[in-house]
PDB file of all heavy atoms in Angstrom:
ATOM      1  N   GLY A   1     -10.220  -5.642   7.202  1.00  0.00           N
ATOM      2  CA  GLY A   1     -10.275  -6.996   6.692  1.00  0.00           C
ATOM      3  C   GLY A   1      -9.191  -7.323   5.691  1.00  0.00           C
ATOM      4  O   GLY A   1      -9.071  -8.472   5.265  1.00  0.00           O
ATOM      5  N   GLY A   2      -8.419  -6.331   5.301  1.00  0.00           N
ATOM      6  CA  GLY A   2      -7.325  -6.546   4.375  1.00  0.00           C
ATOM      7  C   GLY A   2      -7.593  -6.112   2.954  1.00  0.00           C
ATOM      8  O   GLY A   2      -6.684  -6.157   2.114  1.00  0.00           O
ATOM      9  N   SER A   3      -8.811  -5.701   2.653  1.00  0.00           N
ATOM     10  CA  SER A   3      -9.119  -5.224   1.311  1.00  0.00           C
ATOM     11  C   SER A   3      -8.378  -3.928   1.027  1.00  0.00           C
ATOM     12  O   SER A   3      -8.205  -3.096   1.915  1.00  0.00           O
ATOM     13  CB  SER A   3     -10.621  -5.001   1.150  1.00  0.00           C
ATOM     14  OG  SER A   3     -11.336  -6.211   1.332  1.00  0.00           O
ATOM     15  N   THR A   4      -7.966  -3.755  -0.211  1.00  0.00           N
ATOM     16  CA  THR A   4      -7.205  -2.573  -0.587  1.00  0.00           C
ATOM     17  C   THR A   4      -7.758  -1.938  -1.844  1.00  0.00           C
ATOM     18  O   THR A   4      -8.394  -2.594  -2.667  1.00  0.00           O
ATOM     19  CB  THR A   4      -5.727  -2.919  -0.823  1.00  0.00           C
ATOM     20  OG1 THR A   4      -5.633  -3.912  -1.854  1.00  0.00           O
ATOM     21  CG2 THR A   4      -5.084  -3.456   0.442  1.00  0.00           C
ATOM     22  N   ASN A   5      -7.505  -0.652  -1.983  1.00  0.00           N
ATOM     23  CA  ASN A   5      -7.830   0.085  -3.190  1.00  0.00           C
ATOM     24  C   ASN A   5      -6.662   1.001  -3.516  1.00  0.00           C
ATOM     25  O   ASN A   5      -6.053   1.581  -2.617  1.00  0.00           O
ATOM     26  CB  ASN A   5      -9.107   0.909  -3.017  1.00  0.00           C
ATOM     27  CG  ASN A   5     -10.354   0.061  -3.005  1.00  0.00           C
ATOM     28  OD1 ASN A   5     -10.630  -0.674  -3.943  1.00  0.00           O
ATOM     29  ND2 ASN A   5     -11.131   0.163  -1.930  1.00  0.00           N
ATOM     30  N   TYR A   6      -6.380   1.147  -4.806  1.00  0.00           N
ATOM     31  CA  TYR A   6      -5.279   1.973  -5.258  1.00  0.00           C
ATOM     32  C   TYR A   6      -5.740   2.952  -6.324  1.00  0.00           C
ATOM     33  O   TYR A   6      -6.651   2.657  -7.101  1.00  0.00           O
ATOM     34  CB  TYR A   6      -4.163   1.121  -5.849  1.00  0.00           C
ATOM     35  CG  TYR A   6      -3.504   0.180  -4.870  1.00  0.00           C
ATOM     36  CD1 TYR A   6      -3.969  -1.117  -4.700  1.00  0.00           C
ATOM     37  CD2 TYR A   6      -2.404   0.595  -4.119  1.00  0.00           C
ATOM     38  CE1 TYR A   6      -3.365  -1.983  -3.806  1.00  0.00           C
ATOM     39  CE2 TYR A   6      -1.791  -0.268  -3.221  1.00  0.00           C
ATOM     40  CZ  TYR A   6      -2.274  -1.553  -3.068  1.00  0.00           C
ATOM     41  OH  TYR A   6      -1.665  -2.410  -2.179  1.00  0.00           O
ATOM     42  N   ALA A   7      -5.097   4.094  -6.363  1.00  0.00           N
ATOM     43  CA  ALA A   7      -5.336   5.037  -7.434  1.00  0.00           C
ATOM     44  C   ALA A   7      -4.790   4.477  -8.740  1.00  0.00           C
ATOM     45  O   ALA A   7      -3.861   3.666  -8.739  1.00  0.00           O
ATOM     46  CB  ALA A   7      -4.670   6.376  -7.121  1.00  0.00           C
ATOM     47  N   ASP A   8      -5.358   4.932  -9.847  1.00  0.00           N
ATOM     48  CA  ASP A   8      -4.924   4.428 -11.146  1.00  0.00           C
ATOM     49  C   ASP A   8      -3.451   4.713 -11.418  1.00  0.00           C
ATOM     50  O   ASP A   8      -2.768   3.908 -12.055  1.00  0.00           O
ATOM     51  CB  ASP A   8      -5.779   5.029 -12.260  1.00  0.00           C
ATOM     52  CG  ASP A   8      -7.194   4.484 -12.277  1.00  0.00           C
ATOM     53  OD1 ASP A   8      -7.429   3.403 -11.700  1.00  0.00           O
ATOM     54  OD2 ASP A   8      -8.069   5.138 -12.886  1.00  0.00           O
ATOM     55  N   PHE A   9      -2.955   5.833 -10.938  1.00  0.00           N
ATOM     56  CA  PHE A   9      -1.577   6.186 -11.237  1.00  0.00           C
ATOM     57  C   PHE A   9      -0.556   5.286 -10.549  1.00  0.00           C
ATOM     58  O   PHE A   9       0.625   5.317 -10.889  1.00  0.00           O
ATOM     59  CB  PHE A   9      -1.300   7.660 -10.883  1.00  0.00           C
ATOM     60  CG  PHE A   9      -1.454   8.009  -9.426  1.00  0.00           C
ATOM     61  CD1 PHE A   9      -0.496   7.626  -8.496  1.00  0.00           C
ATOM     62  CD2 PHE A   9      -2.546   8.745  -8.989  1.00  0.00           C
ATOM     63  CE1 PHE A   9      -0.630   7.951  -7.159  1.00  0.00           C
ATOM     64  CE2 PHE A   9      -2.692   9.074  -7.646  1.00  0.00           C
ATOM     65  CZ  PHE A   9      -1.731   8.677  -6.732  1.00  0.00           C
ATOM     66  N   VAL A  10      -1.008   4.488  -9.584  1.00  0.00           N
ATOM     67  CA  VAL A  10      -0.095   3.557  -8.920  1.00  0.00           C
ATOM     68  C   VAL A  10       0.439   2.530  -9.916  1.00  0.00           C
ATOM     69  O   VAL A  10       1.621   2.157  -9.869  1.00  0.00           O
ATOM     70  CB  VAL A  10      -0.798   2.864  -7.744  1.00  0.00           C
ATOM     71  CG1 VAL A  10       0.036   1.689  -7.224  1.00  0.00           C
ATOM     72  CG2 VAL A  10      -1.067   3.862  -6.631  1.00  0.00           C
ATOM     73  N   GLU A  11      -0.421   2.059 -10.791  1.00  0.00           N
ATOM     74  CA  GLU A  11      -0.041   1.160 -11.877  1.00  0.00           C
ATOM     75  C   GLU A  11       0.724  -0.076 -11.403  1.00  0.00           C
ATOM     76  O   GLU A  11       1.675  -0.519 -12.051  1.00  0.00           O
ATOM     77  CB  GLU A  11       0.787   1.929 -12.918  1.00  0.00           C
ATOM     78  CG  GLU A  11       0.039   3.090 -13.545  1.00  0.00           C
ATOM     79  CD  GLU A  11       0.906   3.922 -14.461  1.00  0.00           C
ATOM     80  OE1 GLU A  11       2.092   4.144 -14.144  1.00  0.00           O
ATOM     81  OE2 GLU A  11       0.388   4.340 -15.511  1.00  0.00           O
ATOM     82  N   GLY A  12       0.326  -0.617 -10.261  1.00  0.00           N
ATOM     83  CA  GLY A  12       0.946  -1.814  -9.738  1.00  0.00           C
ATOM     84  C   GLY A  12       2.266  -1.610  -9.049  1.00  0.00           C
ATOM     85  O   GLY A  12       2.892  -2.590  -8.617  1.00  0.00           O
ATOM     86  N   ARG A  13       2.708  -0.378  -8.912  1.00  0.00           N
ATOM     87  CA  ARG A  13       4.031  -0.109  -8.347  1.00  0.00           C
ATOM     88  C   ARG A  13       4.061  -0.046  -6.832  1.00  0.00           C
ATOM     89  O   ARG A  13       5.122  -0.234  -6.230  1.00  0.00           O
ATOM     90  CB  ARG A  13       4.574   1.209  -8.905  1.00  0.00           C
ATOM     91  CG  ARG A  13       4.735   1.236 -10.418  1.00  0.00           C
ATOM     92  CD  ARG A  13       5.146   2.632 -10.893  1.00  0.00           C
ATOM     93  NE  ARG A  13       4.142   3.638 -10.583  1.00  0.00           N
ATOM     94  CZ  ARG A  13       4.412   4.810 -10.002  1.00  0.00           C
ATOM     95  NH1 ARG A  13       5.666   5.127  -9.689  1.00  0.00           N
ATOM     96  NH2 ARG A  13       3.425   5.664  -9.763  1.00  0.00           N
ATOM     97  N   PHE A  14       2.924   0.237  -6.218  1.00  0.00           N
ATOM     98  CA  PHE A  14       2.869   0.438  -4.769  1.00  0.00           C
ATOM     99  C   PHE A  14       2.083  -0.683  -4.101  1.00  0.00           C
ATOM    100  O   PHE A  14       1.173  -1.265  -4.695  1.00  0.00           O
ATOM    101  CB  PHE A  14       2.188   1.763  -4.409  1.00  0.00           C
ATOM    102  CG  PHE A  14       2.841   2.993  -4.966  1.00  0.00           C
ATOM    103  CD1 PHE A  14       2.202   4.219  -4.863  1.00  0.00           C
ATOM    104  CD2 PHE A  14       4.086   2.942  -5.583  1.00  0.00           C
ATOM    105  CE1 PHE A  14       2.790   5.369  -5.361  1.00  0.00           C
ATOM    106  CE2 PHE A  14       4.687   4.079  -6.093  1.00  0.00           C
ATOM    107  CZ  PHE A  14       4.027   5.306  -5.974  1.00  0.00           C
ATOM    108  N   THR A  15       2.424  -0.942  -2.844  1.00  0.00           N
ATOM    109  CA  THR A  15       1.698  -1.913  -2.048  1.00  0.00           C
ATOM    110  C   THR A  15       1.429  -1.336  -0.667  1.00  0.00           C
ATOM    111  O   THR A  15       2.355  -0.906   0.018  1.00  0.00           O
ATOM    112  CB  THR A  15       2.482  -3.225  -1.899  1.00  0.00           C
ATOM    113  OG1 THR A  15       2.748  -3.781  -3.183  1.00  0.00           O
ATOM    114  CG2 THR A  15       1.671  -4.234  -1.087  1.00  0.00           C
ATOM    115  N   ILE A  16       0.167  -1.327  -0.261  1.00  0.00           N
ATOM    116  CA  ILE A  16      -0.189  -0.860   1.063  1.00  0.00           C
ATOM    117  C   ILE A  16      -0.423  -2.067   1.960  1.00  0.00           C
ATOM    118  O   ILE A  16      -0.968  -3.081   1.526  1.00  0.00           O
ATOM    119  CB  ILE A  16      -1.432   0.055   1.029  1.00  0.00           C
ATOM    120  CG1 ILE A  16      -1.676   0.688   2.404  1.00  0.00           C
ATOM    121  CG2 ILE A  16      -2.666  -0.700   0.552  1.00  0.00           C
ATOM    122  CD1 ILE A  16      -2.744   1.781   2.394  1.00  0.00           C
ATOM    123  N   SER A  17      -0.011  -1.965   3.204  1.00  0.00           N
ATOM    124  CA  SER A  17      -0.200  -3.047   4.156  1.00  0.00           C
ATOM    125  C   SER A  17      -0.448  -2.471   5.537  1.00  0.00           C
ATOM    126  O   SER A  17      -0.150  -1.302   5.803  1.00  0.00           O
ATOM    127  CB  SER A  17       1.014  -3.986   4.176  1.00  0.00           C
ATOM    128  OG  SER A  17       2.191  -3.294   4.549  1.00  0.00           O
ATOM    129  N   MET A  18      -0.994  -3.287   6.417  1.00  0.00           N
ATOM    130  CA  MET A  18      -1.329  -2.849   7.769  1.00  0.00           C
ATOM    131  C   MET A  18      -0.870  -3.875   8.779  1.00  0.00           C
ATOM    132  O   MET A  18      -0.971  -5.080   8.555  1.00  0.00           O
ATOM    133  CB  MET A  18      -2.836  -2.626   7.891  1.00  0.00           C
ATOM    134  CG  MET A  18      -3.314  -2.209   9.269  1.00  0.00           C
ATOM    135  SD  MET A  18      -5.127  -2.119   9.377  1.00  0.00           S
ATOM    136  CE  MET A  18      -5.459  -0.689   8.341  1.00  0.00           C
ATOM    137  N   ASP A  19      -0.375  -3.387   9.895  1.00  0.00           N
ATOM    138  CA  ASP A  19      -0.022  -4.216  11.031  1.00  0.00           C
ATOM    139  C   ASP A  19      -0.996  -3.847  12.143  1.00  0.00           C
ATOM    140  O   ASP A  19      -0.837  -2.818  12.803  1.00  0.00           O
ATOM    141  CB  ASP A  19       1.425  -3.985  11.467  1.00  0.00           C
ATOM    142  CG  ASP A  19       1.859  -4.929  12.572  1.00  0.00           C
ATOM    143  OD1 ASP A  19       1.008  -5.380  13.358  1.00  0.00           O
ATOM    144  OD2 ASP A  19       3.063  -5.226  12.656  1.00  0.00           O
ATOM    145  N   ASN A  20      -2.007  -4.667  12.344  1.00  0.00           N
ATOM    146  CA  ASN A  20      -3.044  -4.355  13.317  1.00  0.00           C
ATOM    147  C   ASN A  20      -2.516  -4.297  14.751  1.00  0.00           C
ATOM    148  O   ASN A  20      -2.981  -3.490  15.558  1.00  0.00           O
ATOM    149  CB  ASN A  20      -4.168  -5.380  13.225  1.00  0.00           C
ATOM    150  CG  ASN A  20      -4.960  -5.265  11.948  1.00  0.00           C
ATOM    151  OD1 ASN A  20      -5.392  -4.185  11.564  1.00  0.00           O
ATOM    152  ND2 ASN A  20      -5.162  -6.391  11.275  1.00  0.00           N
ATOM    153  N   ALA A  21      -1.559  -5.153  15.062  1.00  0.00           N
ATOM    154  CA  ALA A  21      -1.002  -5.179  16.412  1.00  0.00           C
ATOM    155  C   ALA A  21      -0.283  -3.879  16.749  1.00  0.00           C
ATOM    156  O   ALA A  21      -0.277  -3.439  17.903  1.00  0.00           O
ATOM    157  CB  ALA A  21      -0.059  -6.362  16.575  1.00  0.00           C
ATOM    158  N   LYS A  22       0.322  -3.272  15.752  1.00  0.00           N
ATOM    159  CA  LYS A  22       1.068  -2.036  15.957  1.00  0.00           C
ATOM    160  C   LYS A  22       0.273  -0.790  15.582  1.00  0.00           C
ATOM    161  O   LYS A  22       0.770   0.318  15.745  1.00  0.00           O
ATOM    162  CB  LYS A  22       2.363  -2.060  15.148  1.00  0.00           C
ATOM    163  CG  LYS A  22       3.339  -3.140  15.556  1.00  0.00           C
ATOM    164  CD  LYS A  22       4.604  -3.075  14.717  1.00  0.00           C
ATOM    165  CE  LYS A  22       5.602  -4.132  15.135  1.00  0.00           C
ATOM    166  NZ  LYS A  22       6.843  -4.076  14.312  1.00  0.00           N
ATOM    167  N   ASN A  23      -0.932  -0.982  15.068  1.00  0.00           N
ATOM    168  CA  ASN A  23      -1.732   0.141  14.567  1.00  0.00           C
ATOM    169  C   ASN A  23      -0.928   0.968  13.574  1.00  0.00           C
ATOM    170  O   ASN A  23      -0.876   2.200  13.659  1.00  0.00           O
ATOM    171  CB  ASN A  23      -2.220   1.015  15.721  1.00  0.00           C
ATOM    172  CG  ASN A  23      -3.229   0.306  16.595  1.00  0.00           C
ATOM    173  OD1 ASN A  23      -4.126  -0.375  16.096  1.00  0.00           O
ATOM    174  ND2 ASN A  23      -3.104   0.460  17.898  1.00  0.00           N
ATOM    175  N   ALA A  24      -0.317   0.267  12.652  1.00  0.00           N
ATOM    176  CA  ALA A  24       0.556   0.915  11.684  1.00  0.00           C
ATOM    177  C   ALA A  24       0.140   0.555  10.262  1.00  0.00           C
ATOM    178  O   ALA A  24      -0.415  -0.509  10.009  1.00  0.00           O
ATOM    179  CB  ALA A  24       2.007   0.511  11.919  1.00  0.00           C
ATOM    180  N   VAL A  25       0.440   1.444   9.352  1.00  0.00           N
ATOM    181  CA  VAL A  25       0.200   1.215   7.937  1.00  0.00           C
ATOM    182  C   VAL A  25       1.470   1.564   7.180  1.00  0.00           C
ATOM    183  O   VAL A  25       2.216   2.462   7.580  1.00  0.00           O
ATOM    184  CB  VAL A  25      -1.000   2.041   7.414  1.00  0.00           C
ATOM    185  CG1 VAL A  25      -0.707   3.537   7.495  1.00  0.00           C
ATOM    186  CG2 VAL A  25      -1.359   1.626   6.001  1.00  0.00           C
ATOM    187  N   TYR A  26       1.705   0.834   6.098  1.00  0.00           N
ATOM    188  CA  TYR A  26       2.920   1.015   5.320  1.00  0.00           C
ATOM    189  C   TYR A  26       2.577   1.174   3.848  1.00  0.00           C
ATOM    190  O   TYR A  26       1.570   0.670   3.365  1.00  0.00           O
ATOM    191  CB  TYR A  26       3.855  -0.185   5.493  1.00  0.00           C
ATOM    192  CG  TYR A  26       4.100  -0.547   6.940  1.00  0.00           C
ATOM    193  CD1 TYR A  26       3.321  -1.505   7.581  1.00  0.00           C
ATOM    194  CD2 TYR A  26       5.105   0.082   7.668  1.00  0.00           C
ATOM    195  CE1 TYR A  26       3.535  -1.827   8.909  1.00  0.00           C
ATOM    196  CE2 TYR A  26       5.321  -0.239   8.999  1.00  0.00           C
ATOM    197  CZ  TYR A  26       4.544  -1.187   9.617  1.00  0.00           C
ATOM    198  OH  TYR A  26       4.762  -1.502  10.935  1.00  0.00           O
ATOM    199  N   LEU A  27       3.423   1.867   3.152  1.00  0.00           N
ATOM    200  CA  LEU A  27       3.283   2.006   1.710  1.00  0.00           C
ATOM    201  C   LEU A  27       4.634   1.733   1.076  1.00  0.00           C
ATOM    202  O   LEU A  27       5.549   2.560   1.177  1.00  0.00           O
ATOM    203  CB  LEU A  27       2.786   3.401   1.334  1.00  0.00           C
ATOM    204  CG  LEU A  27       2.490   3.601  -0.154  1.00  0.00           C
ATOM    205  CD1 LEU A  27       1.289   2.759  -0.581  1.00  0.00           C
ATOM    206  CD2 LEU A  27       2.238   5.074  -0.463  1.00  0.00           C
ATOM    207  N   GLN A  28       4.755   0.574   0.460  1.00  0.00           N
ATOM    208  CA  GLN A  28       5.958   0.227  -0.276  1.00  0.00           C
ATOM    209  C   GLN A  28       5.834   0.785  -1.679  1.00  0.00           C
ATOM    210  O   GLN A  28       4.928   0.421  -2.417  1.00  0.00           O
ATOM    211  CB  GLN A  28       6.143  -1.289  -0.324  1.00  0.00           C
ATOM    212  CG  GLN A  28       7.346  -1.754  -1.118  1.00  0.00           C
ATOM    213  CD  GLN A  28       8.656  -1.347  -0.492  1.00  0.00           C
ATOM    214  OE1 GLN A  28       8.828  -1.472   0.718  1.00  0.00           O
ATOM    215  NE2 GLN A  28       9.579  -0.855  -1.293  1.00  0.00           N
ATOM    216  N   MET A  29       6.732   1.669  -2.039  1.00  0.00           N
ATOM    217  CA  MET A  29       6.686   2.330  -3.332  1.00  0.00           C
ATOM    218  C   MET A  29       7.905   1.924  -4.148  1.00  0.00           C
ATOM    219  O   MET A  29       9.038   2.237  -3.778  1.00  0.00           O
ATOM    220  CB  MET A  29       6.636   3.849  -3.172  1.00  0.00           C
ATOM    221  CG  MET A  29       5.454   4.338  -2.342  1.00  0.00           C
ATOM    222  SD  MET A  29       5.286   6.145  -2.350  1.00  0.00           S
ATOM    223  CE  MET A  29       6.779   6.598  -1.471  1.00  0.00           C
ATOM    224  N   ASN A  30       7.660   1.238  -5.242  1.00  0.00           N
ATOM    225  CA  ASN A  30       8.715   0.808  -6.145  1.00  0.00           C
ATOM    226  C   ASN A  30       8.592   1.547  -7.472  1.00  0.00           C
ATOM    227  O   ASN A  30       7.555   2.118  -7.786  1.00  0.00           O
ATOM    228  CB  ASN A  30       8.643  -0.699  -6.378  1.00  0.00           C
ATOM    229  CG  ASN A  30       8.767  -1.505  -5.111  1.00  0.00           C
ATOM    230  OD1 ASN A  30       9.536  -1.166  -4.216  1.00  0.00           O
ATOM    231  ND2 ASN A  30       8.014  -2.606  -5.027  1.00  0.00           N
ATOM    232  N   SER A  31       9.649   1.501  -8.244  1.00  0.00           N
ATOM    233  CA  SER A  31       9.659   2.121  -9.574  1.00  0.00           C
ATOM    234  C   SER A  31       9.153   3.555  -9.530  1.00  0.00           C
ATOM    235  O   SER A  31       8.318   3.967 -10.332  1.00  0.00           O
ATOM    236  CB  SER A  31       8.817   1.283 -10.549  1.00  0.00           C
ATOM    237  OG  SER A  31       9.290  -0.044 -10.634  1.00  0.00           O
ATOM    238  N   LEU A  32       9.665   4.313  -8.604  1.00  0.00           N
ATOM    239  CA  LEU A  32       9.209   5.679  -8.420  1.00  0.00           C
ATOM    240  C   LEU A  32       9.515   6.547  -9.637  1.00  0.00           C
ATOM    241  O   LEU A  32      10.540   6.377 -10.300  1.00  0.00           O
ATOM    242  CB  LEU A  32       9.837   6.281  -7.171  1.00  0.00           C
ATOM    243  CG  LEU A  32       9.221   5.794  -5.852  1.00  0.00           C
ATOM    244  CD1 LEU A  32      10.141   6.098  -4.685  1.00  0.00           C
ATOM    245  CD2 LEU A  32       7.853   6.443  -5.645  1.00  0.00           C
ATOM    246  N   LYS A  33       8.611   7.470  -9.894  1.00  0.00           N
ATOM    247  CA  LYS A  33       8.726   8.395 -11.003  1.00  0.00           C
ATOM    248  C   LYS A  33       8.801   9.825 -10.478  1.00  0.00           C
ATOM    249  O   LYS A  33       8.314  10.105  -9.384  1.00  0.00           O
ATOM    250  CB  LYS A  33       7.518   8.272 -11.934  1.00  0.00           C
ATOM    251  CG  LYS A  33       7.265   6.882 -12.475  1.00  0.00           C
ATOM    252  CD  LYS A  33       5.984   6.859 -13.288  1.00  0.00           C
ATOM    253  CE  LYS A  33       5.701   5.476 -13.839  1.00  0.00           C
ATOM    254  NZ  LYS A  33       4.437   5.455 -14.626  1.00  0.00           N
TER     255      LYS A  33
END
């Protein structure tokens, strides 16, 4: 349904998304440490 949950250490830096048509999931990771 599009709901997401993140670990605390993500701290707003990462974004998870899904493409249902492709059965794919992505993780955009910014400000990597």
